[in-house]
């Protein structure tokens, strides 16, 4: 994990953002990377409906990757 992720406190959020960035750097397409990250989230939270998982993953990717915002995000409260 690089320094760029140190500001993300929640484990699930950090795992999703790290996986998305790594997949994209490795040449995986946007939709495939998004789907993989949604699956990753649901492995940790099987109780979460697919629509909730997609919403959270999309918010996290938009927040941390697209907008490069370092502030907190709503969503998963895992530590």
PDB file of N, CA and C in Angstrom:
ATOM      1  N   UNK A   1       0.844  -1.174   0.000  1.00  0.00           N
ATOM      2  CA  UNK A   1       0.000   0.000   0.000  1.00  0.00           C
ATOM      3  C   UNK A   1       0.889   1.236   0.000  1.00  0.00           C
ATOM      4  N   UNK A   2       0.631   2.129  -0.938  1.00  0.00           N
ATOM      5  CA  UNK A   2       1.437   3.335  -1.042  1.00  0.00           C
ATOM      6  C   UNK A   2       0.931   4.451  -0.166  1.00  0.00           C
ATOM      7  N   UNK A   3       1.696   5.491  -0.071  1.00  0.00           N
ATOM      8  CA  UNK A   3       1.338   6.652   0.754  1.00  0.00           C
ATOM      9  C   UNK A   3       0.025   7.288   0.312  1.00  0.00           C
ATOM     10  N   UNK A   4      -0.289   7.189  -0.982  1.00  0.00           N
ATOM     11  CA  UNK A   4      -1.488   7.837  -1.490  1.00  0.00           C
ATOM     12  C   UNK A   4      -2.769   7.292  -0.870  1.00  0.00           C
ATOM     13  N   UNK A   5      -2.731   6.138  -0.243  1.00  0.00           N
ATOM     14  CA  UNK A   5      -3.923   5.548   0.346  1.00  0.00           C
ATOM     15  C   UNK A   5      -3.965   5.705   1.855  1.00  0.00           C
ATOM     16  N   UNK A   6      -2.966   6.284   2.460  1.00  0.00           N
ATOM     17  CA  UNK A   6      -2.890   6.342   3.917  1.00  0.00           C
ATOM     18  C   UNK A   6      -4.030   7.144   4.528  1.00  0.00           C
ATOM     19  N   UNK A   7      -4.659   8.012   3.765  1.00  0.00           N
ATOM     20  CA  UNK A   7      -5.741   8.829   4.284  1.00  0.00           C
ATOM     21  C   UNK A   7      -7.070   8.073   4.328  1.00  0.00           C
ATOM     22  N   UNK A   8      -7.138   6.897   3.741  1.00  0.00           N
ATOM     23  CA  UNK A   8      -8.377   6.115   3.737  1.00  0.00           C
ATOM     24  C   UNK A   8      -8.353   5.182   4.942  1.00  0.00           C
ATOM     25  N   UNK A   9      -9.216   5.457   5.902  1.00  0.00           N
ATOM     26  CA  UNK A   9      -9.180   4.729   7.170  1.00  0.00           C
ATOM     27  C   UNK A   9      -9.916   3.397   7.127  1.00  0.00           C
ATOM     28  N   UNK A  10     -10.954   3.290   6.354  1.00  0.00           N
ATOM     29  CA  UNK A  10     -11.770   2.077   6.358  1.00  0.00           C
ATOM     30  C   UNK A  10     -11.141   0.999   5.485  1.00  0.00           C
ATOM     31  N   UNK A  11     -11.062  -0.204   6.029  1.00  0.00           N
ATOM     32  CA  UNK A  11     -10.417  -1.296   5.309  1.00  0.00           C
ATOM     33  C   UNK A  11     -11.084  -1.615   3.981  1.00  0.00           C
ATOM     34  N   UNK A  12     -12.397  -1.724   3.954  1.00  0.00           N
ATOM     35  CA  UNK A  12     -13.090  -2.071   2.715  1.00  0.00           C
ATOM     36  C   UNK A  12     -12.902  -0.990   1.660  1.00  0.00           C
ATOM     37  N   UNK A  13     -13.025   0.233   2.071  1.00  0.00           N
ATOM     38  CA  UNK A  13     -12.857   1.355   1.144  1.00  0.00           C
ATOM     39  C   UNK A  13     -11.443   1.375   0.580  1.00  0.00           C
ATOM     40  N   UNK A  14     -10.471   1.199   1.436  1.00  0.00           N
ATOM     41  CA  UNK A  14      -9.069   1.188   1.008  1.00  0.00           C
ATOM     42  C   UNK A  14      -8.808   0.022   0.064  1.00  0.00           C
ATOM     43  N   UNK A  15      -9.361  -1.159   0.387  1.00  0.00           N
ATOM     44  CA  UNK A  15      -9.170  -2.338  -0.461  1.00  0.00           C
ATOM     45  C   UNK A  15      -9.779  -2.123  -1.841  1.00  0.00           C
ATOM     46  N   UNK A  16     -10.962  -1.542  -1.885  1.00  0.00           N
ATOM     47  CA  UNK A  16     -11.640  -1.302  -3.160  1.00  0.00           C
ATOM     48  C   UNK A  16     -10.857  -0.303  -3.999  1.00  0.00           C
ATOM     49  N   UNK A  17     -10.454   0.802  -3.420  1.00  0.00           N
ATOM     50  CA  UNK A  17      -9.723   1.828  -4.176  1.00  0.00           C
ATOM     51  C   UNK A  17      -8.367   1.290  -4.640  1.00  0.00           C
ATOM     52  N   UNK A  18      -7.682   0.567  -3.795  1.00  0.00           N
ATOM     53  CA  UNK A  18      -6.387  -0.026  -4.170  1.00  0.00           C
ATOM     54  C   UNK A  18      -6.561  -1.008  -5.314  1.00  0.00           C
ATOM     55  N   UNK A  19      -7.550  -1.887  -5.197  1.00  0.00           N
ATOM     56  CA  UNK A  19      -7.796  -2.877  -6.245  1.00  0.00           C
ATOM     57  C   UNK A  19      -8.156  -2.200  -7.566  1.00  0.00           C
ATOM     58  N   UNK A  20      -9.006  -1.198  -7.507  1.00  0.00           N
ATOM     59  CA  UNK A  20      -9.408  -0.498  -8.730  1.00  0.00           C
ATOM     60  C   UNK A  20      -8.192   0.130  -9.417  1.00  0.00           C
ATOM     61  N   UNK A  21      -7.401   0.836  -8.653  1.00  0.00           N
ATOM     62  CA  UNK A  21      -6.213   1.483  -9.246  1.00  0.00           C
ATOM     63  C   UNK A  21      -5.241   0.462  -9.817  1.00  0.00           C
ATOM     64  N   UNK A  22      -5.008  -0.608  -9.082  1.00  0.00           N
ATOM     65  CA  UNK A  22      -4.087  -1.643  -9.562  1.00  0.00           C
ATOM     66  C   UNK A  22      -4.606  -2.316 -10.831  1.00  0.00           C
ATOM     67  N   UNK A  23      -5.886  -2.608 -10.862  1.00  0.00           N
ATOM     68  CA  UNK A  23      -6.459  -3.220 -12.057  1.00  0.00           C
ATOM     69  C   UNK A  23      -6.363  -2.289 -13.260  1.00  0.00           C
ATOM     70  N   UNK A  24      -6.680  -1.026 -13.067  1.00  0.00           N
ATOM     71  CA  UNK A  24      -6.616  -0.069 -14.170  1.00  0.00           C
ATOM     72  C   UNK A  24      -5.183   0.109 -14.656  1.00  0.00           C
ATOM     73  N   UNK A  25      -4.230   0.186 -13.723  1.00  0.00           N
ATOM     74  CA  UNK A  25      -2.814   0.305 -14.111  1.00  0.00           C
ATOM     75  C   UNK A  25      -2.351  -0.915 -14.890  1.00  0.00           C
ATOM     76  N   UNK A  26      -2.938  -2.054 -14.582  1.00  0.00           N
ATOM     77  CA  UNK A  26      -2.575  -3.300 -15.259  1.00  0.00           C
ATOM     78  C   UNK A  26      -3.262  -3.501 -16.592  1.00  0.00           C
ATOM     79  N   UNK A  27      -4.095  -2.554 -16.991  1.00  0.00           N
ATOM     80  CA  UNK A  27      -4.721  -2.625 -18.296  1.00  0.00           C
ATOM     81  C   UNK A  27      -6.159  -3.114 -18.305  1.00  0.00           C
ATOM     82  N   UNK A  28      -6.723  -3.386 -17.144  1.00  0.00           N
ATOM     83  CA  UNK A  28      -8.110  -3.812 -17.077  1.00  0.00           C
ATOM     84  C   UNK A  28      -9.015  -2.629 -17.395  1.00  0.00           C
ATOM     85  N   UNK A  29     -10.063  -2.877 -18.149  1.00  0.00           N
ATOM     86  CA  UNK A  29     -11.011  -1.825 -18.510  1.00  0.00           C
ATOM     87  C   UNK A  29     -11.770  -1.318 -17.299  1.00  0.00           C
ATOM     88  N   UNK A  30     -12.341  -0.139 -17.450  1.00  0.00           N
ATOM     89  CA  UNK A  30     -13.051   0.512 -16.359  1.00  0.00           C
ATOM     90  C   UNK A  30     -14.203  -0.341 -15.824  1.00  0.00           C
ATOM     91  N   UNK A  31     -15.059  -0.827 -16.699  1.00  0.00           N
ATOM     92  CA  UNK A  31     -16.213  -1.600 -16.258  1.00  0.00           C
ATOM     93  C   UNK A  31     -15.799  -2.905 -15.593  1.00  0.00           C
ATOM     94  N   UNK A  32     -14.811  -3.580 -16.160  1.00  0.00           N
ATOM     95  CA  UNK A  32     -14.325  -4.826 -15.559  1.00  0.00           C
ATOM     96  C   UNK A  32     -13.735  -4.569 -14.180  1.00  0.00           C
ATOM     97  N   UNK A  33     -12.969  -3.498 -14.038  1.00  0.00           N
ATOM     98  CA  UNK A  33     -12.371  -3.159 -12.743  1.00  0.00           C
ATOM     99  C   UNK A  33     -13.457  -2.821 -11.730  1.00  0.00           C
ATOM    100  N   UNK A  34     -14.467  -2.075 -12.169  1.00  0.00           N
ATOM    101  CA  UNK A  34     -15.587  -1.731 -11.298  1.00  0.00           C
ATOM    102  C   UNK A  34     -16.310  -2.994 -10.831  1.00  0.00           C
ATOM    103  N   UNK A  35     -16.580  -3.903 -11.739  1.00  0.00           N
ATOM    104  CA  UNK A  35     -17.270  -5.146 -11.383  1.00  0.00           C
ATOM    105  C   UNK A  35     -16.439  -5.987 -10.417  1.00  0.00           C
ATOM    106  N   UNK A  36     -15.140  -6.052 -10.639  1.00  0.00           N
ATOM    107  CA  UNK A  36     -14.260  -6.803  -9.746  1.00  0.00           C
ATOM    108  C   UNK A  36     -14.268  -6.195  -8.349  1.00  0.00           C
ATOM    109  N   UNK A  37     -14.263  -4.880  -8.275  1.00  0.00           N
ATOM    110  CA  UNK A  37     -14.265  -4.204  -6.980  1.00  0.00           C
ATOM    111  C   UNK A  37     -15.599  -4.359  -6.265  1.00  0.00           C
ATOM    112  N   UNK A  38     -16.680  -4.394  -7.019  1.00  0.00           N
ATOM    113  CA  UNK A  38     -17.985  -4.654  -6.422  1.00  0.00           C
ATOM    114  C   UNK A  38     -18.005  -6.052  -5.827  1.00  0.00           C
ATOM    115  N   UNK A  39     -17.450  -7.013  -6.537  1.00  0.00           N
ATOM    116  CA  UNK A  39     -17.352  -8.382  -6.031  1.00  0.00           C
ATOM    117  C   UNK A  39     -16.485  -8.425  -4.781  1.00  0.00           C
ATOM    118  N   UNK A  40     -15.363  -7.717  -4.809  1.00  0.00           N
ATOM    119  CA  UNK A  40     -14.492  -7.657  -3.633  1.00  0.00           C
ATOM    120  C   UNK A  40     -15.244  -7.134  -2.417  1.00  0.00           C
ATOM    121  N   UNK A  41     -15.990  -6.068  -2.593  1.00  0.00           N
ATOM    122  CA  UNK A  41     -16.765  -5.515  -1.483  1.00  0.00           C
ATOM    123  C   UNK A  41     -17.767  -6.543  -0.967  1.00  0.00           C
ATOM    124  N   UNK A  42     -18.440  -7.226  -1.865  1.00  0.00           N
ATOM    125  CA  UNK A  42     -19.469  -8.187  -1.452  1.00  0.00           C
ATOM    126  C   UNK A  42     -18.877  -9.435  -0.804  1.00  0.00           C
ATOM    127  N   UNK A  43     -17.632  -9.746  -1.073  1.00  0.00           N
ATOM    128  CA  UNK A  43     -16.971 -10.853  -0.365  1.00  0.00           C
ATOM    129  C   UNK A  43     -16.867 -10.500   1.112  1.00  0.00           C
ATOM    130  N   UNK A  44     -16.548  -9.263   1.399  1.00  0.00           N
ATOM    131  CA  UNK A  44     -16.434  -8.802   2.788  1.00  0.00           C
ATOM    132  C   UNK A  44     -17.790  -8.499   3.410  1.00  0.00           C
ATOM    133  N   UNK A  45     -18.761  -8.190   2.588  1.00  0.00           N
ATOM    134  CA  UNK A  45     -20.107  -7.847   3.065  1.00  0.00           C
ATOM    135  C   UNK A  45     -21.154  -8.600   2.243  1.00  0.00           C
ATOM    136  N   UNK A  46     -21.258  -9.911   2.428  1.00  0.00           N
ATOM    137  CA  UNK A  46     -22.228 -10.692   1.639  1.00  0.00           C
ATOM    138  C   UNK A  46     -23.675 -10.290   1.921  1.00  0.00           C
ATOM    139  N   UNK A  47     -23.897  -9.639   3.039  1.00  0.00           N
ATOM    140  CA  UNK A  47     -25.250  -9.200   3.392  1.00  0.00           C
ATOM    141  C   UNK A  47     -25.696  -7.980   2.586  1.00  0.00           C
ATOM    142  N   UNK A  48     -24.747  -7.301   1.953  1.00  0.00           N
ATOM    143  CA  UNK A  48     -25.062  -6.075   1.211  1.00  0.00           C
ATOM    144  C   UNK A  48     -25.732  -6.413  -0.119  1.00  0.00           C
ATOM    145  N   UNK A  49     -26.844  -5.759  -0.408  1.00  0.00           N
ATOM    146  CA  UNK A  49     -27.465  -5.937  -1.722  1.00  0.00           C
ATOM    147  C   UNK A  49     -26.522  -5.451  -2.824  1.00  0.00           C
ATOM    148  N   UNK A  50     -26.647  -6.036  -3.983  1.00  0.00           N
ATOM    149  CA  UNK A  50     -25.788  -5.670  -5.106  1.00  0.00           C
ATOM    150  C   UNK A  50     -25.889  -4.173  -5.420  1.00  0.00           C
ATOM    151  N   UNK A  51     -27.077  -3.624  -5.358  1.00  0.00           N
ATOM    152  CA  UNK A  51     -27.232  -2.191  -5.665  1.00  0.00           C
ATOM    153  C   UNK A  51     -26.478  -1.323  -4.664  1.00  0.00           C
ATOM    154  N   UNK A  52     -26.492  -1.696  -3.392  1.00  0.00           N
ATOM    155  CA  UNK A  52     -25.742  -0.940  -2.381  1.00  0.00           C
ATOM    156  C   UNK A  52     -24.250  -1.048  -2.629  1.00  0.00           C
ATOM    157  N   UNK A  53     -23.778  -2.253  -2.930  1.00  0.00           N
ATOM    158  CA  UNK A  53     -22.354  -2.459  -3.202  1.00  0.00           C
ATOM    159  C   UNK A  53     -21.914  -1.622  -4.402  1.00  0.00           C
ATOM    160  N   UNK A  54     -22.700  -1.637  -5.453  1.00  0.00           N
ATOM    161  CA  UNK A  54     -22.361  -0.842  -6.644  1.00  0.00           C
ATOM    162  C   UNK A  54     -22.319   0.649  -6.323  1.00  0.00           C
ATOM    163  N   UNK A  55     -23.278   1.110  -5.540  1.00  0.00           N
ATOM    164  CA  UNK A  55     -23.332   2.530  -5.185  1.00  0.00           C
ATOM    165  C   UNK A  55     -22.095   2.945  -4.386  1.00  0.00           C
ATOM    166  N   UNK A  56     -21.747   2.143  -3.364  1.00  0.00           N
ATOM    167  CA  UNK A  56     -20.582   2.473  -2.543  1.00  0.00           C
ATOM    168  C   UNK A  56     -19.294   2.456  -3.354  1.00  0.00           C
ATOM    169  N   UNK A  57     -19.114   1.419  -4.149  1.00  0.00           N
ATOM    170  CA  UNK A  57     -17.899   1.307  -4.963  1.00  0.00           C
ATOM    171  C   UNK A  57     -17.812   2.484  -5.928  1.00  0.00           C
ATOM    172  N   UNK A  58     -18.911   2.828  -6.559  1.00  0.00           N
ATOM    173  CA  UNK A  58     -18.908   3.969  -7.484  1.00  0.00           C
ATOM    174  C   UNK A  58     -18.565   5.261  -6.757  1.00  0.00           C
ATOM    175  N   UNK A  59     -19.145   5.464  -5.568  1.00  0.00           N
ATOM    176  CA  UNK A  59     -18.848   6.675  -4.795  1.00  0.00           C
ATOM    177  C   UNK A  59     -17.374   6.735  -4.423  1.00  0.00           C
ATOM    178  N   UNK A  60     -16.826   5.616  -3.965  1.00  0.00           N
ATOM    179  CA  UNK A  60     -15.420   5.598  -3.548  1.00  0.00           C
ATOM    180  C   UNK A  60     -14.484   5.846  -4.720  1.00  0.00           C
ATOM    181  N   UNK A  61     -14.760   5.225  -5.864  1.00  0.00           N
ATOM    182  CA  UNK A  61     -13.920   5.429  -7.041  1.00  0.00           C
ATOM    183  C   UNK A  61     -14.009   6.887  -7.497  1.00  0.00           C
ATOM    184  N   UNK A  62     -15.218   7.406  -7.538  1.00  0.00           N
ATOM    185  CA  UNK A  62     -15.385   8.809  -7.932  1.00  0.00           C
ATOM    186  C   UNK A  62     -14.647   9.728  -6.962  1.00  0.00           C
ATOM    187  N   UNK A  63     -14.818   9.491  -5.686  1.00  0.00           N
ATOM    188  CA  UNK A  63     -14.222  10.341  -4.649  1.00  0.00           C
ATOM    189  C   UNK A  63     -12.693  10.308  -4.685  1.00  0.00           C
ATOM    190  N   UNK A  64     -12.128   9.105  -4.630  1.00  0.00           N
ATOM    191  CA  UNK A  64     -10.674   8.961  -4.473  1.00  0.00           C
ATOM    192  C   UNK A  64      -9.890   8.940  -5.783  1.00  0.00           C
ATOM    193  N   UNK A  65     -10.478   8.387  -6.839  1.00  0.00           N
ATOM    194  CA  UNK A  65      -9.741   8.226  -8.092  1.00  0.00           C
ATOM    195  C   UNK A  65     -10.067   9.355  -9.072  1.00  0.00           C
ATOM    196  N   UNK A  66     -11.340   9.591  -9.306  1.00  0.00           N
ATOM    197  CA  UNK A  66     -11.727  10.592 -10.303  1.00  0.00           C
ATOM    198  C   UNK A  66     -11.478  12.005  -9.788  1.00  0.00           C
ATOM    199  N   UNK A  67     -12.038  12.328  -8.617  1.00  0.00           N
ATOM    200  CA  UNK A  67     -11.902  13.688  -8.069  1.00  0.00           C
ATOM    201  C   UNK A  67     -10.647  13.871  -7.222  1.00  0.00           C
ATOM    202  N   UNK A  68     -10.001  12.770  -6.837  1.00  0.00           N
ATOM    203  CA  UNK A  68      -8.787  12.801  -5.997  1.00  0.00           C
ATOM    204  C   UNK A  68      -9.013  13.558  -4.692  1.00  0.00           C
ATOM    205  N   UNK A  69     -10.198  13.430  -4.154  1.00  0.00           N
ATOM    206  CA  UNK A  69     -10.563  14.071  -2.897  1.00  0.00           C
ATOM    207  C   UNK A  69      -9.972  13.273  -1.740  1.00  0.00           C
ATOM    208  N   UNK A  70      -9.450  13.947  -0.745  1.00  0.00           N
ATOM    209  CA  UNK A  70      -8.841  13.273   0.404  1.00  0.00           C
ATOM    210  C   UNK A  70      -9.735  13.282   1.638  1.00  0.00           C
ATOM    211  N   UNK A  71     -10.872  13.929   1.548  1.00  0.00           N
ATOM    212  CA  UNK A  71     -11.779  13.991   2.682  1.00  0.00           C
ATOM    213  C   UNK A  71     -12.496  12.669   2.904  1.00  0.00           C
ATOM    214  N   UNK A  72     -13.235  12.568   3.999  1.00  0.00           N
ATOM    215  CA  UNK A  72     -13.946  11.330   4.314  1.00  0.00           C
ATOM    216  C   UNK A  72     -15.127  11.111   3.359  1.00  0.00           C
ATOM    217  N   UNK A  73     -15.542   9.862   3.264  1.00  0.00           N
ATOM    218  CA  UNK A  73     -16.698   9.500   2.439  1.00  0.00           C
ATOM    219  C   UNK A  73     -17.734   8.811   3.309  1.00  0.00           C
ATOM    220  N   UNK A  74     -19.002   8.873   2.918  1.00  0.00           N
ATOM    221  CA  UNK A  74     -20.027   8.114   3.644  1.00  0.00           C
ATOM    222  C   UNK A  74     -19.966   6.650   3.214  1.00  0.00           C
ATOM    223  N   UNK A  75     -20.530   5.788   4.001  1.00  0.00           N
ATOM    224  CA  UNK A  75     -20.611   4.394   3.574  1.00  0.00           C
ATOM    225  C   UNK A  75     -20.116   3.419   4.614  1.00  0.00           C
ATOM    226  N   UNK A  76     -19.428   2.426   4.182  1.00  0.00           N
ATOM    227  CA  UNK A  76     -18.964   1.315   5.009  1.00  0.00           C
ATOM    228  C   UNK A  76     -18.172   1.816   6.218  1.00  0.00           C
ATOM    229  N   UNK A  77     -18.547   1.372   7.384  1.00  0.00           N
ATOM    230  CA  UNK A  77     -17.884   1.813   8.615  1.00  0.00           C
ATOM    231  C   UNK A  77     -16.884   0.800   9.152  1.00  0.00           C
ATOM    232  N   UNK A  78     -16.402  -0.094   8.308  1.00  0.00           N
ATOM    233  CA  UNK A  78     -15.422  -1.101   8.747  1.00  0.00           C
ATOM    234  C   UNK A  78     -14.133  -0.446   9.208  1.00  0.00           C
ATOM    235  N   UNK A  79     -13.491  -1.040  10.150  1.00  0.00           N
ATOM    236  CA  UNK A  79     -12.176  -0.584  10.596  1.00  0.00           C
ATOM    237  C   UNK A  79     -11.175  -1.694  10.503  1.00  0.00           C
TER     238      UNK A  79
END
